[in-house]
PDB file of all heavy atoms in Angstrom:
ATOM      1  N   TRP A   1      -9.435  -6.942  22.665  1.00  0.00           N
ATOM      2  CA  TRP A   1     -10.681  -7.555  23.177  1.00  0.00           C
ATOM      3  C   TRP A   1     -10.372  -8.790  23.962  1.00  0.00           C
ATOM      4  O   TRP A   1     -10.925  -9.082  25.058  1.00  0.00           O
ATOM      5  CB  TRP A   1     -11.593  -7.849  21.984  1.00  0.00           C
ATOM      6  CG  TRP A   1     -12.855  -8.571  22.381  1.00  0.00           C
ATOM      7  CD1 TRP A   1     -12.998  -9.878  22.579  1.00  0.00           C
ATOM      8  CD2 TRP A   1     -14.131  -7.952  22.562  1.00  0.00           C
ATOM      9  NE1 TRP A   1     -14.345 -10.207  22.923  1.00  0.00           N
ATOM     10  CE2 TRP A   1     -15.011  -9.054  22.925  1.00  0.00           C
ATOM     11  CE3 TRP A   1     -14.597  -6.649  22.490  1.00  0.00           C
ATOM     12  CZ2 TRP A   1     -16.357  -8.787  23.175  1.00  0.00           C
ATOM     13  CZ3 TRP A   1     -16.003  -6.422  22.729  1.00  0.00           C
ATOM     14  CH2 TRP A   1     -16.839  -7.498  23.108  1.00  0.00           C
ATOM     15  N   MET A   2      -9.484  -9.631  23.372  1.00  0.00           N
ATOM     16  CA  MET A   2      -9.182 -10.931  24.003  1.00  0.00           C
ATOM     17  C   MET A   2      -8.547 -10.795  25.368  1.00  0.00           C
ATOM     18  O   MET A   2      -8.704 -11.658  26.281  1.00  0.00           O
ATOM     19  CB  MET A   2      -8.337 -11.744  23.062  1.00  0.00           C
ATOM     20  CG  MET A   2      -9.063 -12.101  21.791  1.00  0.00           C
ATOM     21  SD  MET A   2      -7.919 -12.816  20.472  1.00  0.00           S
ATOM     22  CE  MET A   2      -7.682 -14.438  21.148  1.00  0.00           C
ATOM     23  N   ALA A   3      -7.856  -9.717  25.575  1.00  0.00           N
ATOM     24  CA  ALA A   3      -7.219  -9.416  26.939  1.00  0.00           C
ATOM     25  C   ALA A   3      -8.188  -8.892  27.913  1.00  0.00           C
ATOM     26  O   ALA A   3      -8.085  -9.108  29.077  1.00  0.00           O
ATOM     27  CB  ALA A   3      -6.039  -8.453  26.756  1.00  0.00           C
ATOM     28  N   GLN A   4      -9.239  -8.171  27.382  1.00  0.00           N
ATOM     29  CA  GLN A   4     -10.185  -7.557  28.292  1.00  0.00           C
ATOM     30  C   GLN A   4     -11.439  -8.428  28.571  1.00  0.00           C
ATOM     31  O   GLN A   4     -12.033  -8.311  29.626  1.00  0.00           O
ATOM     32  CB  GLN A   4     -10.671  -6.194  27.697  1.00  0.00           C
ATOM     33  CG  GLN A   4      -9.593  -5.195  27.420  1.00  0.00           C
ATOM     34  CD  GLN A   4      -9.007  -4.623  28.684  1.00  0.00           C
ATOM     35  OE1 GLN A   4      -9.786  -4.410  29.661  1.00  0.00           O
ATOM     36  NE2 GLN A   4      -7.697  -4.375  28.738  1.00  0.00           N
ATOM     37  N   ARG A   5     -11.815  -9.208  27.579  1.00  0.00           N
ATOM     38  CA  ARG A   5     -13.035  -9.995  27.647  1.00  0.00           C
ATOM     39  C   ARG A   5     -12.778 -11.416  27.186  1.00  0.00           C
ATOM     40  O   ARG A   5     -11.707 -11.716  26.688  1.00  0.00           O
ATOM     41  CB  ARG A   5     -14.090  -9.345  26.809  1.00  0.00           C
ATOM     42  CG  ARG A   5     -14.448  -7.890  27.218  1.00  0.00           C
ATOM     43  CD  ARG A   5     -15.387  -7.263  26.207  1.00  0.00           C
ATOM     44  NE  ARG A   5     -15.867  -5.901  26.642  1.00  0.00           N
ATOM     45  CZ  ARG A   5     -15.187  -4.825  26.404  1.00  0.00           C
ATOM     46  NH1 ARG A   5     -13.965  -4.871  25.781  1.00  0.00           N
ATOM     47  NH2 ARG A   5     -15.678  -3.669  26.829  1.00  0.00           N
ATOM     48  N   ARG A   6     -13.780 -12.213  27.259  1.00  0.00           N
ATOM     49  CA  ARG A   6     -13.699 -13.615  26.818  1.00  0.00           C
ATOM     50  C   ARG A   6     -13.596 -13.660  25.312  1.00  0.00           C
ATOM     51  O   ARG A   6     -14.447 -13.076  24.595  1.00  0.00           O
ATOM     52  CB  ARG A   6     -14.934 -14.390  27.282  1.00  0.00           C
ATOM     53  CG  ARG A   6     -14.837 -15.890  26.960  1.00  0.00           C
ATOM     54  CD  ARG A   6     -16.018 -16.613  27.510  1.00  0.00           C
ATOM     55  NE  ARG A   6     -16.026 -18.000  27.160  1.00  0.00           N
ATOM     56  CZ  ARG A   6     -16.967 -18.892  27.495  1.00  0.00           C
ATOM     57  NH1 ARG A   6     -18.023 -18.436  28.163  1.00  0.00           N
ATOM     58  NH2 ARG A   6     -16.840 -20.139  27.168  1.00  0.00           N
ATOM     59  N   ALA A   7     -12.614 -14.391  24.796  1.00  0.00           N
ATOM     60  CA  ALA A   7     -12.421 -14.509  23.357  1.00  0.00           C
ATOM     61  C   ALA A   7     -13.512 -15.334  22.689  1.00  0.00           C
ATOM     62  O   ALA A   7     -13.988 -16.309  23.314  1.00  0.00           O
ATOM     63  CB  ALA A   7     -11.051 -15.090  23.065  1.00  0.00           C
ATOM     64  N   ARG A   8     -13.890 -14.966  21.526  1.00  0.00           N
ATOM     65  CA  ARG A   8     -14.852 -15.744  20.740  1.00  0.00           C
ATOM     66  C   ARG A   8     -14.112 -16.418  19.590  1.00  0.00           C
ATOM     67  O   ARG A   8     -13.618 -15.725  18.651  1.00  0.00           O
ATOM     68  CB  ARG A   8     -15.940 -14.818  20.158  1.00  0.00           C
ATOM     69  CG  ARG A   8     -16.724 -14.056  21.233  1.00  0.00           C
ATOM     70  CD  ARG A   8     -17.551 -14.940  22.101  1.00  0.00           C
ATOM     71  NE  ARG A   8     -18.325 -14.200  23.064  1.00  0.00           N
ATOM     72  CZ  ARG A   8     -19.583 -13.751  22.906  1.00  0.00           C
ATOM     73  NH1 ARG A   8     -20.159 -13.962  21.706  1.00  0.00           N
ATOM     74  NH2 ARG A   8     -20.202 -13.096  23.830  1.00  0.00           N
ATOM     75  N   TRP A   9     -13.909 -17.702  19.674  1.00  0.00           N
ATOM     76  CA  TRP A   9     -13.135 -18.423  18.641  1.00  0.00           C
ATOM     77  C   TRP A   9     -13.800 -19.745  18.366  1.00  0.00           C
ATOM     78  O   TRP A   9     -13.854 -20.622  19.225  1.00  0.00           O
ATOM     79  CB  TRP A   9     -11.691 -18.584  19.071  1.00  0.00           C
ATOM     80  CG  TRP A   9     -10.822 -18.832  17.909  1.00  0.00           C
ATOM     81  CD1 TRP A   9     -10.587 -19.980  17.214  1.00  0.00           C
ATOM     82  CD2 TRP A   9     -10.032 -17.852  17.251  1.00  0.00           C
ATOM     83  NE1 TRP A   9      -9.719 -19.846  16.156  1.00  0.00           N
ATOM     84  CE2 TRP A   9      -9.340 -18.483  16.179  1.00  0.00           C
ATOM     85  CE3 TRP A   9      -9.809 -16.437  17.443  1.00  0.00           C
ATOM     86  CZ2 TRP A   9      -8.500 -17.842  15.325  1.00  0.00           C
ATOM     87  CZ3 TRP A   9      -8.952 -15.817  16.584  1.00  0.00           C
ATOM     88  CH2 TRP A   9      -8.325 -16.468  15.523  1.00  0.00           C
ATOM     89  N   GLY A  10     -14.309 -19.929  17.140  1.00  0.00           N
ATOM     90  CA  GLY A  10     -14.967 -21.126  16.833  1.00  0.00           C
ATOM     91  C   GLY A  10     -14.620 -21.550  15.369  1.00  0.00           C
ATOM     92  O   GLY A  10     -13.599 -21.214  14.819  1.00  0.00           O
ATOM     93  N   ALA A  11     -15.537 -22.322  14.789  1.00  0.00           N
ATOM     94  CA  ALA A  11     -15.237 -22.831  13.425  1.00  0.00           C
ATOM     95  C   ALA A  11     -15.109 -21.781  12.410  1.00  0.00           C
ATOM     96  O   ALA A  11     -14.292 -21.831  11.474  1.00  0.00           O
ATOM     97  CB  ALA A  11     -16.420 -23.812  13.060  1.00  0.00           C
ATOM     98  N   ALA A  12     -15.939 -20.703  12.484  1.00  0.00           N
ATOM     99  CA  ALA A  12     -15.894 -19.608  11.538  1.00  0.00           C
ATOM    100  C   ALA A  12     -14.571 -18.891  11.589  1.00  0.00           C
ATOM    101  O   ALA A  12     -13.945 -18.594  10.531  1.00  0.00           O
ATOM    102  CB  ALA A  12     -17.011 -18.654  11.734  1.00  0.00           C
ATOM    103  N   GLN A  13     -14.038 -18.620  12.745  1.00  0.00           N
ATOM    104  CA  GLN A  13     -12.785 -17.962  12.910  1.00  0.00           C
ATOM    105  C   GLN A  13     -11.607 -18.826  12.359  1.00  0.00           C
ATOM    106  O   GLN A  13     -10.758 -18.340  11.689  1.00  0.00           O
ATOM    107  CB  GLN A  13     -12.527 -17.603  14.410  1.00  0.00           C
ATOM    108  CG  GLN A  13     -13.344 -16.486  14.958  1.00  0.00           C
ATOM    109  CD  GLN A  13     -14.761 -16.902  15.223  1.00  0.00           C
ATOM    110  OE1 GLN A  13     -15.158 -18.032  15.157  1.00  0.00           O
ATOM    111  NE2 GLN A  13     -15.610 -15.858  15.580  1.00  0.00           N
ATOM    112  N   GLN A  14     -11.736 -20.112  12.589  1.00  0.00           N
ATOM    113  CA  GLN A  14     -10.703 -21.042  12.093  1.00  0.00           C
ATOM    114  C   GLN A  14     -10.727 -21.099  10.610  1.00  0.00           C
ATOM    115  O   GLN A  14      -9.685 -21.205   9.942  1.00  0.00           O
ATOM    116  CB  GLN A  14     -10.958 -22.441  12.685  1.00  0.00           C
ATOM    117  CG  GLN A  14      -9.771 -23.363  12.437  1.00  0.00           C
ATOM    118  CD  GLN A  14      -8.457 -22.867  12.979  1.00  0.00           C
ATOM    119  OE1 GLN A  14      -8.427 -22.197  14.112  1.00  0.00           O
ATOM    120  NE2 GLN A  14      -7.347 -23.047  12.274  1.00  0.00           N
ATOM    121  N   ARG A  15     -11.938 -20.966  10.023  1.00  0.00           N
ATOM    122  CA  ARG A  15     -12.013 -20.949   8.511  1.00  0.00           C
ATOM    123  C   ARG A  15     -11.318 -19.686   7.925  1.00  0.00           C
ATOM    124  O   ARG A  15     -10.783 -19.791   6.821  1.00  0.00           O
ATOM    125  CB  ARG A  15     -13.451 -20.984   8.050  1.00  0.00           C
ATOM    126  CG  ARG A  15     -14.146 -22.360   8.268  1.00  0.00           C
ATOM    127  CD  ARG A  15     -15.349 -22.503   7.357  1.00  0.00           C
ATOM    128  NE  ARG A  15     -16.367 -21.476   7.599  1.00  0.00           N
ATOM    129  CZ  ARG A  15     -17.342 -21.611   8.554  1.00  0.00           C
ATOM    130  NH1 ARG A  15     -17.382 -22.701   9.314  1.00  0.00           N
ATOM    131  NH2 ARG A  15     -18.228 -20.669   8.741  1.00  0.00           N
ATOM    132  N   VAL A  16     -11.337 -18.565   8.689  1.00  0.00           N
ATOM    133  CA  VAL A  16     -10.647 -17.429   8.189  1.00  0.00           C
ATOM    134  C   VAL A  16      -9.131 -17.671   8.116  1.00  0.00           C
ATOM    135  O   VAL A  16      -8.474 -17.373   7.117  1.00  0.00           O
ATOM    136  CB  VAL A  16     -10.920 -16.219   9.093  1.00  0.00           C
ATOM    137  CG1 VAL A  16      -9.967 -15.007   8.697  1.00  0.00           C
ATOM    138  CG2 VAL A  16     -12.328 -15.781   9.009  1.00  0.00           C
ATOM    139  N   ILE A  17      -8.556 -18.291   9.228  1.00  0.00           N
ATOM    140  CA  ILE A  17      -7.150 -18.649   9.203  1.00  0.00           C
ATOM    141  C   ILE A  17      -6.825 -19.640   8.101  1.00  0.00           C
ATOM    142  O   ILE A  17      -5.801 -19.443   7.356  1.00  0.00           O
ATOM    143  CB  ILE A  17      -6.775 -19.262  10.549  1.00  0.00           C
ATOM    144  CG1 ILE A  17      -7.082 -18.276  11.724  1.00  0.00           C
ATOM    145  CG2 ILE A  17      -5.293 -19.662  10.601  1.00  0.00           C
ATOM    146  CD1 ILE A  17      -6.358 -16.917  11.615  1.00  0.00           C
ATOM    147  N   GLU A  18      -7.716 -20.566   7.845  1.00  0.00           N
ATOM    148  CA  GLU A  18      -7.437 -21.535   6.786  1.00  0.00           C
ATOM    149  C   GLU A  18      -7.517 -20.896   5.418  1.00  0.00           C
ATOM    150  O   GLU A  18      -6.757 -21.241   4.503  1.00  0.00           O
ATOM    151  CB  GLU A  18      -8.505 -22.670   6.842  1.00  0.00           C
ATOM    152  CG  GLU A  18      -8.307 -23.556   8.083  1.00  0.00           C
ATOM    153  CD  GLU A  18      -9.479 -24.478   8.361  1.00  0.00           C
ATOM    154  OE1 GLU A  18     -10.473 -24.383   7.555  1.00  0.00           O
ATOM    155  OE2 GLU A  18      -9.459 -25.263   9.316  1.00  0.00           O
ATOM    156  N   ALA A  19      -8.446 -19.866   5.269  1.00  0.00           N
ATOM    157  CA  ALA A  19      -8.507 -19.156   3.977  1.00  0.00           C
ATOM    158  C   ALA A  19      -7.286 -18.317   3.751  1.00  0.00           C
ATOM    159  O   ALA A  19      -6.800 -18.253   2.553  1.00  0.00           O
ATOM    160  CB  ALA A  19      -9.750 -18.254   3.987  1.00  0.00           C
ATOM    161  N   LEU A  20      -6.710 -17.762   4.778  1.00  0.00           N
ATOM    162  CA  LEU A  20      -5.438 -17.054   4.604  1.00  0.00           C
ATOM    163  C   LEU A  20      -4.275 -17.995   4.206  1.00  0.00           C
ATOM    164  O   LEU A  20      -3.468 -17.620   3.334  1.00  0.00           O
ATOM    165  CB  LEU A  20      -5.072 -16.301   5.841  1.00  0.00           C
ATOM    166  CG  LEU A  20      -6.002 -15.117   6.273  1.00  0.00           C
ATOM    167  CD1 LEU A  20      -5.662 -14.609   7.640  1.00  0.00           C
ATOM    168  CD2 LEU A  20      -5.938 -14.043   5.246  1.00  0.00           C
ATOM    169  N   HIS A  21      -4.256 -19.154   4.833  1.00  0.00           N
ATOM    170  CA  HIS A  21      -3.207 -20.127   4.454  1.00  0.00           C
ATOM    171  C   HIS A  21      -3.454 -20.572   3.003  1.00  0.00           C
ATOM    172  O   HIS A  21      -2.422 -20.771   2.236  1.00  0.00           O
ATOM    173  CB  HIS A  21      -3.305 -21.347   5.345  1.00  0.00           C
ATOM    174  CG  HIS A  21      -2.621 -21.124   6.687  1.00  0.00           C
ATOM    175  ND1 HIS A  21      -1.300 -20.851   6.844  1.00  0.00           N
ATOM    176  CD2 HIS A  21      -3.152 -21.195   7.971  1.00  0.00           C
ATOM    177  CE1 HIS A  21      -1.005 -20.692   8.107  1.00  0.00           C
ATOM    178  NE2 HIS A  21      -2.133 -20.931   8.859  1.00  0.00           N
ATOM    179  N   ALA A  22      -4.669 -20.750   2.594  1.00  0.00           N
ATOM    180  CA  ALA A  22      -4.947 -21.129   1.212  1.00  0.00           C
ATOM    181  C   ALA A  22      -4.498 -20.068   0.202  1.00  0.00           C
ATOM    182  O   ALA A  22      -3.963 -20.389  -0.852  1.00  0.00           O
ATOM    183  CB  ALA A  22      -6.408 -21.391   1.083  1.00  0.00           C
ATOM    184  N   GLN A  23      -4.674 -18.759   0.568  1.00  0.00           N
ATOM    185  CA  GLN A  23      -4.221 -17.683  -0.306  1.00  0.00           C
ATOM    186  C   GLN A  23      -2.667 -17.766  -0.455  1.00  0.00           C
ATOM    187  O   GLN A  23      -2.156 -17.595  -1.547  1.00  0.00           O
ATOM    188  CB  GLN A  23      -4.619 -16.352   0.265  1.00  0.00           C
ATOM    189  CG  GLN A  23      -6.058 -15.988   0.193  1.00  0.00           C
ATOM    190  CD  GLN A  23      -6.507 -15.653  -1.225  1.00  0.00           C
ATOM    191  OE1 GLN A  23      -5.683 -15.373  -2.093  1.00  0.00           O
ATOM    192  NE2 GLN A  23      -7.809 -15.698  -1.500  1.00  0.00           N
ATOM    193  N   HIS A  24      -1.985 -18.054   0.627  1.00  0.00           N
ATOM    194  CA  HIS A  24      -0.542 -18.136   0.596  1.00  0.00           C
ATOM    195  C   HIS A  24      -0.094 -19.353  -0.288  1.00  0.00           C
ATOM    196  O   HIS A  24       0.803 -19.231  -1.104  1.00  0.00           O
ATOM    197  CB  HIS A  24       0.028 -18.323   2.004  1.00  0.00           C
ATOM    198  CG  HIS A  24       1.513 -18.541   2.055  1.00  0.00           C
ATOM    199  ND1 HIS A  24       2.413 -17.606   1.620  1.00  0.00           N
ATOM    200  CD2 HIS A  24       2.243 -19.610   2.435  1.00  0.00           C
ATOM    201  CE1 HIS A  24       3.655 -18.081   1.789  1.00  0.00           C
ATOM    202  NE2 HIS A  24       3.561 -19.303   2.290  1.00  0.00           N
ATOM    203  N   ARG A  25      -0.763 -20.474  -0.108  1.00  0.00           N
ATOM    204  CA  ARG A  25      -0.415 -21.667  -0.887  1.00  0.00           C
ATOM    205  C   ARG A  25      -0.706 -21.438  -2.389  1.00  0.00           C
ATOM    206  O   ARG A  25       0.022 -22.014  -3.239  1.00  0.00           O
ATOM    207  CB  ARG A  25      -1.220 -22.868  -0.398  1.00  0.00           C
ATOM    208  CG  ARG A  25      -0.784 -23.363   0.986  1.00  0.00           C
ATOM    209  CD  ARG A  25      -1.366 -24.806   1.239  1.00  0.00           C
ATOM    210  NE  ARG A  25      -2.765 -24.774   1.246  1.00  0.00           N
ATOM    211  CZ  ARG A  25      -3.563 -24.507   2.313  1.00  0.00           C
ATOM    212  NH1 ARG A  25      -2.978 -24.261   3.475  1.00  0.00           N
ATOM    213  NH2 ARG A  25      -4.856 -24.602   2.179  1.00  0.00           N
ATOM    214  N   ALA A  26      -1.657 -20.608  -2.663  1.00  0.00           N
ATOM    215  CA  ALA A  26      -2.044 -20.313  -4.069  1.00  0.00           C
ATOM    216  C   ALA A  26      -1.051 -19.324  -4.708  1.00  0.00           C
ATOM    217  O   ALA A  26      -1.195 -19.013  -5.878  1.00  0.00           O
ATOM    218  CB  ALA A  26      -3.433 -19.785  -4.138  1.00  0.00           C
ATOM    219  N   GLY A  27      -0.118 -18.771  -3.898  1.00  0.00           N
ATOM    220  CA  GLY A  27       0.900 -17.889  -4.465  1.00  0.00           C
ATOM    221  C   GLY A  27       0.775 -16.430  -4.060  1.00  0.00           C
ATOM    222  O   GLY A  27       1.582 -15.582  -4.527  1.00  0.00           O
ATOM    223  N   ALA A  28      -0.272 -16.102  -3.304  1.00  0.00           N
ATOM    224  CA  ALA A  28      -0.427 -14.683  -2.913  1.00  0.00           C
ATOM    225  C   ALA A  28       0.602 -14.273  -1.886  1.00  0.00           C
ATOM    226  O   ALA A  28       0.993 -15.016  -0.975  1.00  0.00           O
ATOM    227  CB  ALA A  28      -1.855 -14.480  -2.309  1.00  0.00           C
ATOM    228  N   GLU A  29       1.154 -13.089  -2.055  1.00  0.00           N
ATOM    229  CA  GLU A  29       2.068 -12.519  -1.084  1.00  0.00           C
ATOM    230  C   GLU A  29       1.300 -11.795   0.025  1.00  0.00           C
ATOM    231  O   GLU A  29       0.453 -10.959  -0.269  1.00  0.00           O
ATOM    232  CB  GLU A  29       3.002 -11.497  -1.799  1.00  0.00           C
ATOM    233  CG  GLU A  29       4.018 -10.794  -0.900  1.00  0.00           C
ATOM    234  CD  GLU A  29       4.802  -9.756  -1.593  1.00  0.00           C
ATOM    235  OE1 GLU A  29       4.545  -9.509  -2.829  1.00  0.00           O
ATOM    236  OE2 GLU A  29       5.717  -9.198  -0.983  1.00  0.00           O
ATOM    237  N   LEU A  30       1.469 -12.243   1.257  1.00  0.00           N
ATOM    238  CA  LEU A  30       0.741 -11.657   2.393  1.00  0.00           C
ATOM    239  C   LEU A  30       1.540 -10.578   3.109  1.00  0.00           C
ATOM    240  O   LEU A  30       2.720 -10.857   3.477  1.00  0.00           O
ATOM    241  CB  LEU A  30       0.357 -12.737   3.384  1.00  0.00           C
ATOM    242  CG  LEU A  30      -1.014 -13.454   3.152  1.00  0.00           C
ATOM    243  CD1 LEU A  30      -1.034 -14.128   1.814  1.00  0.00           C
ATOM    244  CD2 LEU A  30      -1.322 -14.448   4.209  1.00  0.00           C
ATOM    245  N   ILE A  31       0.985  -9.385   3.268  1.00  0.00           N
ATOM    246  CA  ILE A  31       1.692  -8.318   3.972  1.00  0.00           C
ATOM    247  C   ILE A  31       0.750  -7.826   5.072  1.00  0.00           C
ATOM    248  O   ILE A  31      -0.381  -7.405   4.837  1.00  0.00           O
ATOM    249  CB  ILE A  31       1.987  -7.134   2.948  1.00  0.00           C
ATOM    250  CG1 ILE A  31       2.805  -7.651   1.799  1.00  0.00           C
ATOM    251  CG2 ILE A  31       2.637  -5.987   3.703  1.00  0.00           C
ATOM    252  CD1 ILE A  31       3.076  -6.607   0.720  1.00  0.00           C
ATOM    253  N   TYR A  32       1.272  -7.899   6.295  1.00  0.00           N
ATOM    254  CA  TYR A  32       0.513  -7.576   7.515  1.00  0.00           C
ATOM    255  C   TYR A  32       0.984  -6.281   8.045  1.00  0.00           C
ATOM    256  O   TYR A  32       2.124  -6.120   8.434  1.00  0.00           O
ATOM    257  CB  TYR A  32       0.702  -8.735   8.467  1.00  0.00           C
ATOM    258  CG  TYR A  32      -0.109  -8.689   9.716  1.00  0.00           C
ATOM    259  CD1 TYR A  32      -1.007  -7.703  10.020  1.00  0.00           C
ATOM    260  CD2 TYR A  32       0.032  -9.683  10.685  1.00  0.00           C
ATOM    261  CE1 TYR A  32      -1.771  -7.670  11.208  1.00  0.00           C
ATOM    262  CE2 TYR A  32      -0.720  -9.748  11.864  1.00  0.00           C
ATOM    263  CZ  TYR A  32      -1.639  -8.697  12.115  1.00  0.00           C
ATOM    264  OH  TYR A  32      -2.310  -8.721  13.289  1.00  0.00           O
ATOM    265  N   VAL A  33       0.073  -5.274   8.143  1.00  0.00           N
ATOM    266  CA  VAL A  33       0.347  -4.002   8.746  1.00  0.00           C
ATOM    267  C   VAL A  33      -0.514  -3.852  10.000  1.00  0.00           C
ATOM    268  O   VAL A  33      -1.691  -3.563   9.916  1.00  0.00           O
ATOM    269  CB  VAL A  33      -0.030  -2.807   7.787  1.00  0.00           C
ATOM    270  CG1 VAL A  33       0.291  -1.481   8.377  1.00  0.00           C
ATOM    271  CG2 VAL A  33       0.742  -2.985   6.438  1.00  0.00           C
ATOM    272  N   PRO A  34       0.042  -4.105  11.194  1.00  0.00           N
ATOM    273  CA  PRO A  34      -0.745  -4.197  12.441  1.00  0.00           C
ATOM    274  C   PRO A  34      -1.389  -2.829  12.740  1.00  0.00           C
ATOM    275  O   PRO A  34      -0.923  -1.785  12.353  1.00  0.00           O
ATOM    276  CB  PRO A  34       0.272  -4.556  13.516  1.00  0.00           C
ATOM    277  CG  PRO A  34       1.413  -5.190  12.783  1.00  0.00           C
ATOM    278  CD  PRO A  34       1.402  -4.470  11.430  1.00  0.00           C
ATOM    279  N   GLY A  35      -2.527  -2.915  13.503  1.00  0.00           N
ATOM    280  CA  GLY A  35      -3.264  -1.759  13.965  1.00  0.00           C
ATOM    281  C   GLY A  35      -3.155  -1.533  15.411  1.00  0.00           C
ATOM    282  O   GLY A  35      -2.256  -2.033  16.063  1.00  0.00           O
ATOM    283  N   ASN A  36      -4.147  -0.793  16.008  1.00  0.00           N
ATOM    284  CA  ASN A  36      -4.103  -0.521  17.405  1.00  0.00           C
ATOM    285  C   ASN A  36      -4.627  -1.654  18.226  1.00  0.00           C
ATOM    286  O   ASN A  36      -4.239  -1.812  19.384  1.00  0.00           O
ATOM    287  CB  ASN A  36      -4.877   0.762  17.715  1.00  0.00           C
ATOM    288  CG  ASN A  36      -6.285   0.779  17.181  1.00  0.00           C
ATOM    289  OD1 ASN A  36      -6.482   0.490  15.998  1.00  0.00           O
ATOM    290  ND2 ASN A  36      -7.233   1.074  18.008  1.00  0.00           N
ATOM    291  N   HIS A  37      -5.508  -2.531  17.695  1.00  0.00           N
ATOM    292  CA  HIS A  37      -6.061  -3.622  18.410  1.00  0.00           C
ATOM    293  C   HIS A  37      -5.138  -4.860  18.372  1.00  0.00           C
ATOM    294  O   HIS A  37      -5.363  -5.829  19.132  1.00  0.00           O
ATOM    295  CB  HIS A  37      -7.439  -3.979  17.991  1.00  0.00           C
ATOM    296  CG  HIS A  37      -8.489  -3.107  18.598  1.00  0.00           C
ATOM    297  ND1 HIS A  37      -9.578  -3.568  19.334  1.00  0.00           N
ATOM    298  CD2 HIS A  37      -8.645  -1.755  18.570  1.00  0.00           C
ATOM    299  CE1 HIS A  37     -10.319  -2.554  19.723  1.00  0.00           C
ATOM    300  NE2 HIS A  37      -9.811  -1.441  19.262  1.00  0.00           N
ATOM    301  N   ASP A  38      -4.195  -4.859  17.456  1.00  0.00           N
ATOM    302  CA  ASP A  38      -3.162  -5.902  17.444  1.00  0.00           C
ATOM    303  C   ASP A  38      -1.801  -5.213  17.468  1.00  0.00           C
ATOM    304  O   ASP A  38      -0.820  -5.660  16.875  1.00  0.00           O
ATOM    305  CB  ASP A  38      -3.264  -6.802  16.220  1.00  0.00           C
ATOM    306  CG  ASP A  38      -3.473  -6.035  14.894  1.00  0.00           C
ATOM    307  OD1 ASP A  38      -3.263  -4.795  14.889  1.00  0.00           O
ATOM    308  OD2 ASP A  38      -3.808  -6.710  13.914  1.00  0.00           O
ATOM    309  N   ARG A  39      -1.686  -4.170  18.281  1.00  0.00           N
ATOM    310  CA  ARG A  39      -0.480  -3.348  18.462  1.00  0.00           C
ATOM    311  C   ARG A  39       0.716  -4.106  18.872  1.00  0.00           C
ATOM    312  O   ARG A  39       1.829  -3.910  18.484  1.00  0.00           O
ATOM    313  CB  ARG A  39      -0.731  -2.233  19.456  1.00  0.00           C
ATOM    314  CG  ARG A  39       0.370  -1.176  19.590  1.00  0.00           C
ATOM    315  CD  ARG A  39       0.107  -0.263  20.688  1.00  0.00           C
ATOM    316  NE  ARG A  39      -1.180   0.408  20.614  1.00  0.00           N
ATOM    317  CZ  ARG A  39      -1.410   1.555  19.941  1.00  0.00           C
ATOM    318  NH1 ARG A  39      -0.413   2.104  19.243  1.00  0.00           N
ATOM    319  NH2 ARG A  39      -2.623   2.067  19.890  1.00  0.00           N
TER     320      ARG A  39
END
């Protein structure tokens, strides 16, 4: 989407990134399995 159209990135999107960092800091193991839109 970001390559085809204008990206939408604001405070809510940044809070998602911060929440993922918080999970990692709390000890959660993060495993990322990419899909077709983040190929």
